[in-house]
Amino acid sequence: MRESARVRAEVARVQAQVSPGRAPLLWNGAWLRSEGQDGEGLAAVRQAIAVEVAFAPAACRAPPMRGLVVLTMADQPGSPRIALGSANWRWSDLLEARRSR
């Protein structure tokens, strides 16, 4: 994901719309609509996550997760980032087509 200029640009754009220091939430059991987007979950970001998760080993996709995960687009402090997760979820849940209403 970090290698994609399009993904980094989308994350930076949505990051600029939230308070400094906060990561915008893109998925909470369903992909959330971001301001200025026709679809849910920032299409390029959603697609990049789907590819990463789909090609990850099953042992990485299956374990139960709890709470939020923050993904950063670079290692430098203040780099754009996104949050995803819910109370109880698995990485494989991100592959389901469930949408927010």
Protein backbone atom coordinates (compact mmCIF):
# COMPACT_ATOMS: atom_id res chain seq x y z
CA MET A 1 0.00 0.00 0.00
CA ARG A 2 2.78 2.41 0.85
CA GLU A 3 4.25 2.03 -2.63
CA SER A 4 1.11 3.26 -4.37
CA ALA A 5 1.09 7.02 -5.02
CA ARG A 6 -2.69 6.88 -5.50
CA VAL A 7 -3.25 5.20 -2.13
CA ARG A 8 -0.92 7.65 -0.37
CA ALA A 9 -2.69 10.61 -2.02
CA GLU A 10 -6.16 9.36 -1.02
CA VAL A 11 -5.06 8.75 2.57
CA ALA A 12 -3.39 12.18 2.76
CA ARG A 13 -6.55 13.84 1.40
CA VAL A 14 -8.87 12.18 3.92
CA GLN A 15 -6.32 12.68 6.73
CA ALA A 16 -6.46 16.44 6.09
CA GLN A 17 -10.22 16.37 6.81
CA VAL A 18 -9.86 15.14 10.41
CA SER A 19 -8.33 16.71 13.50
CA PRO A 20 -4.52 16.64 13.68
CA GLY A 21 -3.29 13.50 15.40
CA ARG A 22 -6.39 11.47 14.52
CA ALA A 23 -6.58 8.67 11.99
CA PRO A 24 -9.74 8.60 9.87
CA LEU A 25 -11.78 5.43 10.36
CA LEU A 26 -12.40 3.66 7.04
CA TRP A 27 -13.82 0.30 8.15
CA ASN A 28 -15.76 -0.66 11.30
CA GLY A 29 -17.29 -3.91 10.10
CA ALA A 30 -18.42 -2.15 6.91
CA TRP A 31 -16.59 0.24 4.60
CA LEU A 32 -17.44 3.82 5.55
CA ARG A 33 -18.11 6.57 3.06
CA SER A 34 -15.50 9.34 3.03
CA GLU A 35 -16.33 12.94 2.15
CA GLY A 36 -15.96 13.59 -1.57
CA GLN A 37 -16.15 9.90 -2.52
CA ASP A 38 -18.88 8.26 -4.56
CA GLY A 39 -18.29 4.85 -2.98
CA GLU A 40 -17.30 3.56 0.44
CA GLY A 41 -13.84 3.16 1.91
CA LEU A 42 -11.73 5.18 -0.55
CA ALA A 43 -11.71 2.88 -3.57
CA ALA A 44 -7.92 2.77 -4.11
CA VAL A 45 -7.28 2.15 -0.42
CA ARG A 46 -10.01 -0.50 -0.18
CA GLN A 47 -8.63 -2.26 -3.26
CA ALA A 48 -5.04 -2.16 -1.96
CA ILE A 49 -6.12 -3.58 1.40
CA ALA A 50 -8.14 -6.31 -0.33
CA VAL A 51 -5.11 -7.37 -2.39
CA GLU A 52 -2.81 -7.41 0.66
CA VAL A 53 -5.29 -9.41 2.74
CA ALA A 54 -6.28 -11.79 -0.06
CA PHE A 55 -2.66 -12.77 -0.72
CA ALA A 56 -1.66 -12.98 2.95
CA PRO A 57 -1.27 -16.47 4.43
CA ALA A 58 -4.48 -17.89 5.89
CA ALA A 59 -2.80 -17.94 9.30
CA CYS A 60 -2.61 -14.13 9.11
CA ARG A 61 -6.20 -13.61 7.91
CA ALA A 62 -7.97 -15.92 10.36
CA PRO A 63 -6.98 -14.98 13.93
CA PRO A 64 -9.52 -12.90 15.84
CA MET A 65 -8.67 -9.23 16.26
CA ARG A 66 -10.07 -6.78 18.81
CA GLY A 67 -10.32 -3.04 18.45
CA LEU A 68 -8.74 -0.69 15.97
CA VAL A 69 -5.59 -1.03 13.88
CA VAL A 70 -3.82 2.06 12.56
CA LEU A 71 -1.97 1.80 9.24
CA THR A 72 0.58 4.50 8.41
CA MET A 73 1.70 5.47 4.92
CA ALA A 74 5.31 6.19 6.01
CA ASP A 75 7.53 5.79 9.06
CA GLN A 76 8.01 9.51 9.71
CA PRO A 77 6.10 11.13 12.59
CA GLY A 78 2.90 12.79 11.41
CA SER A 79 2.62 10.64 8.28
CA PRO A 80 -0.90 10.10 6.92
CA ARG A 81 -2.66 7.11 8.46
CA ILE A 82 -5.98 5.32 8.54
CA ALA A 83 -7.80 3.28 11.16
CA LEU A 84 -9.87 0.17 10.72
CA GLY A 85 -11.40 -2.44 12.95
CA SER A 86 -14.29 -3.13 15.28
CA ALA A 87 -14.86 -4.80 18.63
CA ASN A 88 -14.26 -8.30 17.20
CA TRP A 89 -13.10 -8.93 13.64
CA ARG A 90 -10.68 -10.82 11.41
CA TRP A 91 -8.55 -9.51 8.56
CA SER A 92 -10.56 -11.75 6.22
CA ASP A 93 -13.68 -9.71 7.12
CA LEU A 94 -12.22 -6.86 5.05
CA LEU A 95 -12.76 -8.98 1.93
CA GLU A 96 -16.53 -9.15 2.39
CA ALA A 97 -18.63 -6.79 0.29
CA ARG A 98 -20.67 -5.45 3.22
CA ARG A 99 -21.24 -1.71 2.87
CA SER A 100 -22.29 0.98 5.32
CA ARG A 101 -25.78 2.42 4.98
